[in-house]
Amino acid sequence: MLFLAAVQTVTAQESAATRERRAANAAAAEATVTINEQFLNSFLTAMFDNLSEPSMPLTMGGAQSTPQCPSEIHLKREVNGTRTAVHFENGKIVGSLAFAGAYSASLMGCIEFTGWADADVNLDYDASRHALVARFQVRDIHLNNTPAILNGPLLGMVQGTIDRRYNPVELFTLEKLSTRVDIQPAGGALQLRAKEVRSEVTPSAVTLHIIYEFVKG
């Protein structure tokens, strides 16, 4: 009896060790999600159709805000033929952002403006946040019927506001990318736990590579 018990104990230990080795040696499970331009631009259309226009206050460079002239900028669906849209170019995400707003300064009074901006969107995995984040960088601003001297100050105010209030923007956390699958015939469930996510921008789409581990859950 003692011999049989010893054999059973060794067998159980070997089985547990074997399972651990298999888990350690198993290739990382990767899932990919591909998002094209049409999806992102449909998202923007739905935002304008169902929500308020995104807006930001302009509070730098001596800007003032009054009920008659609020110093703020609004993202618009379209301005003078330029639509707010996203494109993929040379492995980068770029966008054209149509906008309108007003700027109140003590020396110049209330200046209303419209125009569009060139912007880059950079995607990175932030290990401290356990999330895929986006950082928005405005490269250039084009104003309609407004002195070009305002381009530089307005660009600085808009980018400064984006950096202070929004950058970086969390897109997907590992927690949100994780899920649980019930497997009733096997008498249990598996957790699909996301461990890492990275992005790859191609000429026609952005692909998310999500690394998973499977654990009993």
C-alpha atoms as a PDB file:
ATOM      1  CA  MET A   1       0.000   0.000   0.000  1.00  0.00           C
ATOM      2  CA  LEU A   2       2.803   2.380   0.865  1.00  0.00           C
ATOM      3  CA  PHE A   3       4.437   1.592  -2.468  1.00  0.00           C
ATOM      4  CA  LEU A   4       1.221   2.332  -4.386  1.00  0.00           C
ATOM      5  CA  ALA A   5       0.724   5.572  -2.490  1.00  0.00           C
ATOM      6  CA  ALA A   6       4.275   6.621  -3.291  1.00  0.00           C
ATOM      7  CA  VAL A   7       3.788   5.815  -6.977  1.00  0.00           C
ATOM      8  CA  GLN A   8       0.540   7.795  -7.074  1.00  0.00           C
ATOM      9  CA  THR A   9       2.219  10.760  -5.383  1.00  0.00           C
ATOM     10  CA  VAL A  10       5.131  10.745  -7.843  1.00  0.00           C
ATOM     11  CA  THR A  11       2.717  10.397 -10.780  1.00  0.00           C
ATOM     12  CA  ALA A  12       0.638  13.330  -9.555  1.00  0.00           C
ATOM     13  CA  GLN A  13       3.768  15.436  -9.121  1.00  0.00           C
ATOM     14  CA  GLU A  14       4.982  14.511 -12.591  1.00  0.00           C
ATOM     15  CA  SER A  15       1.580  15.354 -14.061  1.00  0.00           C
ATOM     16  CA  ALA A  16       1.571  18.760 -12.369  1.00  0.00           C
ATOM     17  CA  ALA A  17       5.142  19.409 -13.494  1.00  0.00           C
ATOM     18  CA  THR A  18       4.280  18.313 -17.027  1.00  0.00           C
ATOM     19  CA  ARG A  19       1.331  20.702 -17.144  1.00  0.00           C
ATOM     20  CA  GLU A  20       3.517  23.547 -15.900  1.00  0.00           C
ATOM     21  CA  ARG A  21       6.177  22.810 -18.538  1.00  0.00           C
ATOM     22  CA  ARG A  22       3.555  22.694 -21.264  1.00  0.00           C
ATOM     23  CA  ALA A  23       2.132  26.007 -20.136  1.00  0.00           C
ATOM     24  CA  ALA A  24       5.601  27.569 -19.991  1.00  0.00           C
ATOM     25  CA  ASN A  25       6.591  26.229 -23.399  1.00  0.00           C
ATOM     26  CA  ALA A  26       3.316  27.042 -25.122  1.00  0.00           C
ATOM     27  CA  ALA A  27       3.579  29.656 -27.848  1.00  0.00           C
ATOM     28  CA  ALA A  28       2.042  33.014 -27.042  1.00  0.00           C
ATOM     29  CA  ALA A  29      -1.562  33.182 -28.175  1.00  0.00           C
ATOM     30  CA  GLU A  30      -2.000  36.202 -30.414  1.00  0.00           C
ATOM     31  CA  ALA A  31      -5.219  37.705 -31.726  1.00  0.00           C
ATOM     32  CA  THR A  32      -5.267  40.456 -34.343  1.00  0.00           C
ATOM     33  CA  VAL A  33      -7.866  43.142 -34.928  1.00  0.00           C
ATOM     34  CA  THR A  34      -7.712  45.135 -38.161  1.00  0.00           C
ATOM     35  CA  ILE A  35      -9.310  48.581 -38.411  1.00  0.00           C
ATOM     36  CA  ASN A  36      -9.520  50.345 -41.762  1.00  0.00           C
ATOM     37  CA  GLU A  37     -10.074  53.995 -42.710  1.00  0.00           C
ATOM     38  CA  GLN A  38     -13.756  53.433 -43.418  1.00  0.00           C
ATOM     39  CA  PHE A  39     -14.365  52.210 -39.872  1.00  0.00           C
ATOM     40  CA  LEU A  40     -12.613  55.187 -38.273  1.00  0.00           C
ATOM     41  CA  ASN A  41     -14.363  57.716 -40.501  1.00  0.00           C
ATOM     42  CA  SER A  42     -17.728  56.047 -39.857  1.00  0.00           C
ATOM     43  CA  PHE A  43     -16.963  56.452 -36.153  1.00  0.00           C
ATOM     44  CA  LEU A  44     -16.366  60.184 -36.694  1.00  0.00           C
ATOM     45  CA  THR A  45     -19.628  60.475 -38.646  1.00  0.00           C
ATOM     46  CA  ALA A  46     -21.535  58.754 -35.842  1.00  0.00           C
ATOM     47  CA  MET A  47     -19.940  61.103 -33.318  1.00  0.00           C
ATOM     48  CA  PHE A  48     -21.125  64.194 -35.203  1.00  0.00           C
ATOM     49  CA  ASP A  49     -24.572  62.655 -35.784  1.00  0.00           C
ATOM     50  CA  ASN A  50     -25.216  61.624 -32.184  1.00  0.00           C
ATOM     51  CA  LEU A  51     -23.081  63.792 -29.901  1.00  0.00           C
ATOM     52  CA  SER A  52     -22.136  67.417 -29.416  1.00  0.00           C
ATOM     53  CA  GLU A  53     -19.227  68.881 -31.341  1.00  0.00           C
ATOM     54  CA  PRO A  54     -15.998  68.364 -29.377  1.00  0.00           C
ATOM     55  CA  SER A  55     -14.707  71.676 -28.039  1.00  0.00           C
ATOM     56  CA  MET A  56     -11.693  72.955 -26.118  1.00  0.00           C
ATOM     57  CA  PRO A  57     -11.156  76.246 -24.277  1.00  0.00           C
ATOM     58  CA  LEU A  58      -8.289  78.460 -25.419  1.00  0.00           C
ATOM     59  CA  THR A  59      -6.686  79.697 -22.226  1.00  0.00           C
ATOM     60  CA  MET A  60      -3.085  80.462 -23.188  1.00  0.00           C
ATOM     61  CA  GLY A  61      -1.354  83.502 -24.640  1.00  0.00           C
ATOM     62  CA  GLY A  62      -3.511  86.059 -22.869  1.00  0.00           C
ATOM     63  CA  ALA A  63      -6.775  84.612 -24.155  1.00  0.00           C
ATOM     64  CA  GLN A  64      -9.857  85.812 -22.301  1.00  0.00           C
ATOM     65  CA  SER A  65     -13.356  84.393 -22.334  1.00  0.00           C
ATOM     66  CA  THR A  66     -16.605  86.342 -22.121  1.00  0.00           C
ATOM     67  CA  PRO A  67     -20.247  85.406 -22.760  1.00  0.00           C
ATOM     68  CA  GLN A  68     -20.096  87.459 -25.952  1.00  0.00           C
ATOM     69  CA  CYS A  69     -16.815  85.935 -27.111  1.00  0.00           C
ATOM     70  CA  PRO A  70     -15.925  82.587 -25.536  1.00  0.00           C
ATOM     71  CA  SER A  71     -12.308  81.739 -26.318  1.00  0.00           C
ATOM     72  CA  GLU A  72     -12.735  78.177 -27.528  1.00  0.00           C
ATOM     73  CA  ILE A  73     -12.373  75.990 -30.583  1.00  0.00           C
ATOM     74  CA  HIS A  74     -14.912  73.464 -31.915  1.00  0.00           C
ATOM     75  CA  LEU A  75     -14.191  70.434 -34.073  1.00  0.00           C
ATOM     76  CA  LYS A  76     -16.503  70.599 -37.098  1.00  0.00           C
ATOM     77  CA  ARG A  77     -17.708  67.976 -39.535  1.00  0.00           C
ATOM     78  CA  GLU A  78     -16.680  70.173 -42.485  1.00  0.00           C
ATOM     79  CA  VAL A  79     -15.414  73.702 -43.131  1.00  0.00           C
ATOM     80  CA  ASN A  80     -15.161  75.191 -46.631  1.00  0.00           C
ATOM     81  CA  GLY A  81     -14.951  71.791 -48.301  1.00  0.00           C
ATOM     82  CA  THR A  82     -12.460  70.238 -45.854  1.00  0.00           C
ATOM     83  CA  ARG A  83     -13.897  67.362 -43.809  1.00  0.00           C
ATOM     84  CA  THR A  84     -12.661  66.017 -40.530  1.00  0.00           C
ATOM     85  CA  ALA A  85     -11.271  62.628 -41.558  1.00  0.00           C
ATOM     86  CA  VAL A  86      -8.550  60.066 -40.894  1.00  0.00           C
ATOM     87  CA  HIS A  87      -6.083  58.650 -43.424  1.00  0.00           C
ATOM     88  CA  PHE A  88      -3.192  56.181 -43.414  1.00  0.00           C
ATOM     89  CA  GLU A  89      -0.017  57.482 -45.044  1.00  0.00           C
ATOM     90  CA  ASN A  90       3.487  55.971 -45.046  1.00  0.00           C
ATOM     91  CA  GLY A  91       2.878  53.878 -41.958  1.00  0.00           C
ATOM     92  CA  LYS A  92       1.352  56.773 -40.038  1.00  0.00           C
ATOM     93  CA  ILE A  93      -2.146  57.831 -39.001  1.00  0.00           C
ATOM     94  CA  VAL A  94      -2.837  61.371 -40.167  1.00  0.00           C
ATOM     95  CA  GLY A  95      -5.948  63.478 -40.062  1.00  0.00           C
ATOM     96  CA  SER A  96      -7.519  66.652 -41.355  1.00  0.00           C
ATOM     97  CA  LEU A  97      -9.435  68.451 -38.614  1.00  0.00           C
ATOM     98  CA  ALA A  98     -11.997  71.089 -39.574  1.00  0.00           C
ATOM     99  CA  PHE A  99     -12.664  73.649 -36.866  1.00  0.00           C
ATOM    100  CA  ALA A 100     -14.284  76.963 -35.942  1.00  0.00           C
ATOM    101  CA  GLY A 101     -13.880  79.139 -32.909  1.00  0.00           C
ATOM    102  CA  ALA A 102     -13.207  82.509 -31.380  1.00  0.00           C
ATOM    103  CA  TYR A 103     -10.322  84.156 -29.572  1.00  0.00           C
ATOM    104  CA  SER A 104     -10.732  87.112 -27.244  1.00  0.00           C
ATOM    105  CA  ALA A 105      -7.658  89.212 -26.466  1.00  0.00           C
ATOM    106  CA  SER A 106      -7.501  92.618 -24.816  1.00  0.00           C
ATOM    107  CA  LEU A 107      -5.459  94.225 -27.601  1.00  0.00           C
ATOM    108  CA  MET A 108      -7.240  92.674 -30.595  1.00  0.00           C
ATOM    109  CA  GLY A 109     -10.800  92.212 -29.395  1.00  0.00           C
ATOM    110  CA  CYS A 110     -12.863  89.209 -30.445  1.00  0.00           C
ATOM    111  CA  ILE A 111     -11.546  87.323 -33.446  1.00  0.00           C
ATOM    112  CA  GLU A 112     -13.724  84.616 -34.948  1.00  0.00           C
ATOM    113  CA  PHE A 113     -11.962  82.066 -37.118  1.00  0.00           C
ATOM    114  CA  THR A 114     -12.498  78.912 -39.157  1.00  0.00           C
ATOM    115  CA  GLY A 115     -10.030  76.589 -40.811  1.00  0.00           C
ATOM    116  CA  TRP A 116      -8.502  73.156 -40.742  1.00  0.00           C
ATOM    117  CA  ALA A 117      -5.434  71.508 -39.245  1.00  0.00           C
ATOM    118  CA  ASP A 118      -3.022  68.725 -40.163  1.00  0.00           C
ATOM    119  CA  ALA A 119      -2.551  66.277 -37.309  1.00  0.00           C
ATOM    120  CA  ASP A 120      -0.662  63.063 -36.566  1.00  0.00           C
ATOM    121  CA  VAL A 121      -1.941  60.302 -34.290  1.00  0.00           C
ATOM    122  CA  ASN A 122       0.767  58.197 -32.629  1.00  0.00           C
ATOM    123  CA  LEU A 123      -0.168  54.883 -30.998  1.00  0.00           C
ATOM    124  CA  ASP A 124       1.919  53.371 -28.193  1.00  0.00           C
ATOM    125  CA  TYR A 125       1.589  50.763 -25.473  1.00  0.00           C
ATOM    126  CA  ASP A 126       1.903  52.426 -22.068  1.00  0.00           C
ATOM    127  CA  ALA A 127       3.149  49.777 -19.639  1.00  0.00           C
ATOM    128  CA  SER A 128       2.373  51.916 -16.586  1.00  0.00           C
ATOM    129  CA  ARG A 129      -1.265  52.267 -17.653  1.00  0.00           C
ATOM    130  CA  HIS A 130      -1.512  48.734 -19.100  1.00  0.00           C
ATOM    131  CA  ALA A 131      -3.174  50.374 -22.090  1.00  0.00           C
ATOM    132  CA  LEU A 132      -2.830  51.285 -25.740  1.00  0.00           C
ATOM    133  CA  VAL A 133      -2.757  55.080 -25.864  1.00  0.00           C
ATOM    134  CA  ALA A 134      -2.946  57.706 -28.594  1.00  0.00           C
ATOM    135  CA  ARG A 135      -1.073  60.992 -28.647  1.00  0.00           C
ATOM    136  CA  PHE A 136      -2.321  63.752 -30.925  1.00  0.00           C
ATOM    137  CA  GLN A 137       0.158  66.145 -32.516  1.00  0.00           C
ATOM    138  CA  VAL A 138      -1.091  69.141 -34.520  1.00  0.00           C
ATOM    139  CA  ARG A 139       1.453  69.847 -37.266  1.00  0.00           C
ATOM    140  CA  ASP A 140      -0.016  72.871 -39.028  1.00  0.00           C
ATOM    141  CA  ILE A 141      -3.064  75.124 -38.987  1.00  0.00           C
ATOM    142  CA  HIS A 142      -4.717  76.786 -41.993  1.00  0.00           C
ATOM    143  CA  LEU A 143      -7.035  79.717 -41.229  1.00  0.00           C
ATOM    144  CA  ASN A 144      -9.729  81.103 -43.528  1.00  0.00           C
ATOM    145  CA  ASN A 145      -9.991  84.898 -43.929  1.00  0.00           C
ATOM    146  CA  THR A 146      -7.855  85.494 -40.849  1.00  0.00           C
ATOM    147  CA  PRO A 147      -4.426  87.176 -40.635  1.00  0.00           C
ATOM    148  CA  ALA A 148      -1.678  84.590 -41.028  1.00  0.00           C
ATOM    149  CA  ILE A 149       0.054  86.106 -38.006  1.00  0.00           C
ATOM    150  CA  LEU A 150      -2.442  84.216 -35.839  1.00  0.00           C
ATOM    151  CA  ASN A 151      -1.409  80.784 -37.136  1.00  0.00           C
ATOM    152  CA  GLY A 152       1.545  80.390 -34.800  1.00  0.00           C
ATOM    153  CA  PRO A 153      -0.146  81.530 -31.564  1.00  0.00           C
ATOM    154  CA  LEU A 154      -3.289  79.520 -32.320  1.00  0.00           C
ATOM    155  CA  LEU A 155      -1.245  76.404 -33.083  1.00  0.00           C
ATOM    156  CA  GLY A 156       0.578  76.793 -29.778  1.00  0.00           C
ATOM    157  CA  MET A 157      -2.649  77.261 -27.824  1.00  0.00           C
ATOM    158  CA  VAL A 158      -4.401  74.288 -29.423  1.00  0.00           C
ATOM    159  CA  GLN A 159      -1.440  71.933 -28.959  1.00  0.00           C
ATOM    160  CA  GLY A 160      -0.891  73.162 -25.410  1.00  0.00           C
ATOM    161  CA  THR A 161      -4.540  72.529 -24.547  1.00  0.00           C
ATOM    162  CA  ILE A 162      -4.440  69.044 -26.097  1.00  0.00           C
ATOM    163  CA  ASP A 163      -1.286  68.179 -24.138  1.00  0.00           C
ATOM    164  CA  ARG A 164      -2.641  69.467 -20.827  1.00  0.00           C
ATOM    165  CA  ARG A 165      -6.181  68.128 -21.030  1.00  0.00           C
ATOM    166  CA  TYR A 166      -6.106  65.063 -23.281  1.00  0.00           C
ATOM    167  CA  ASN A 167      -2.721  63.567 -24.234  1.00  0.00           C
ATOM    168  CA  PRO A 168      -2.313  60.653 -23.948  1.00  0.00           C
ATOM    169  CA  VAL A 169      -5.786  59.245 -24.639  1.00  0.00           C
ATOM    170  CA  GLU A 170      -6.455  55.701 -23.431  1.00  0.00           C
ATOM    171  CA  LEU A 171      -7.940  53.650 -26.277  1.00  0.00           C
ATOM    172  CA  PHE A 172      -7.904  50.088 -24.945  1.00  0.00           C
ATOM    173  CA  THR A 173      -6.824  48.824 -21.531  1.00  0.00           C
ATOM    174  CA  LEU A 174      -5.706  45.224 -21.087  1.00  0.00           C
ATOM    175  CA  GLU A 175      -8.653  44.728 -18.753  1.00  0.00           C
ATOM    176  CA  LYS A 176     -11.129  45.757 -21.462  1.00  0.00           C
ATOM    177  CA  LEU A 177      -9.451  43.446 -23.966  1.00  0.00           C
ATOM    178  CA  SER A 178      -9.732  40.471 -21.595  1.00  0.00           C
ATOM    179  CA  THR A 179     -12.762  38.203 -21.342  1.00  0.00           C
ATOM    180  CA  ARG A 180     -14.030  34.942 -19.860  1.00  0.00           C
ATOM    181  CA  VAL A 181     -15.392  31.954 -21.788  1.00  0.00           C
ATOM    182  CA  ASP A 182     -17.655  29.374 -20.140  1.00  0.00           C
ATOM    183  CA  ILE A 183     -17.002  25.813 -21.375  1.00  0.00           C
ATOM    184  CA  GLN A 184     -19.868  23.857 -19.840  1.00  0.00           C
ATOM    185  CA  PRO A 185     -18.998  20.423 -21.323  1.00  0.00           C
ATOM    186  CA  ALA A 186     -15.580  20.708 -19.678  1.00  0.00           C
ATOM    187  CA  GLY A 187     -17.056  21.754 -16.363  1.00  0.00           C
ATOM    188  CA  GLY A 188     -15.455  25.155 -16.079  1.00  0.00           C
ATOM    189  CA  ALA A 189     -14.311  28.337 -17.760  1.00  0.00           C
ATOM    190  CA  LEU A 190     -11.188  29.920 -19.175  1.00  0.00           C
ATOM    191  CA  GLN A 191     -10.099  33.490 -18.758  1.00  0.00           C
ATOM    192  CA  LEU A 192      -8.594  35.072 -21.865  1.00  0.00           C
ATOM    193  CA  ARG A 193      -6.258  37.495 -20.141  1.00  0.00           C
ATOM    194  CA  ALA A 194      -4.646  40.142 -22.348  1.00  0.00           C
ATOM    195  CA  LYS A 195      -0.966  40.592 -21.489  1.00  0.00           C
ATOM    196  CA  GLU A 196       0.190  43.050 -24.127  1.00  0.00           C
ATOM    197  CA  VAL A 197      -1.075  44.964 -27.138  1.00  0.00           C
ATOM    198  CA  ARG A 198       0.876  46.647 -29.897  1.00  0.00           C
ATOM    199  CA  SER A 199      -0.187  48.482 -33.015  1.00  0.00           C
ATOM    200  CA  GLU A 200       0.990  48.231 -36.600  1.00  0.00           C
ATOM    201  CA  VAL A 201       0.008  50.852 -39.167  1.00  0.00           C
ATOM    202  CA  THR A 202      -0.006  49.726 -42.803  1.00  0.00           C
ATOM    203  CA  PRO A 203      -0.900  51.722 -45.929  1.00  0.00           C
ATOM    204  CA  SER A 204      -4.553  50.671 -45.636  1.00  0.00           C
ATOM    205  CA  ALA A 205      -5.275  49.851 -41.990  1.00  0.00           C
ATOM    206  CA  VAL A 206      -4.105  49.707 -38.402  1.00  0.00           C
ATOM    207  CA  THR A 207      -3.708  46.246 -36.902  1.00  0.00           C
ATOM    208  CA  LEU A 208      -3.763  45.562 -33.178  1.00  0.00           C
ATOM    209  CA  HIS A 209      -1.724  42.546 -32.061  1.00  0.00           C
ATOM    210  CA  ILE A 210      -3.052  41.328 -28.706  1.00  0.00           C
ATOM    211  CA  ILE A 211      -1.083  38.739 -26.713  1.00  0.00           C
ATOM    212  CA  TYR A 212      -3.237  36.505 -24.501  1.00  0.00           C
ATOM    213  CA  GLU A 213      -2.680  33.919 -21.818  1.00  0.00           C
ATOM    214  CA  PHE A 214      -5.330  31.326 -20.949  1.00  0.00           C
ATOM    215  CA  VAL A 215      -5.956  30.619 -17.280  1.00  0.00           C
ATOM    216  CA  LYS A 216      -8.585  28.639 -15.462  1.00  0.00           C
ATOM    217  CA  GLY A 217     -11.369  30.913 -14.397  1.00  0.00           C
END
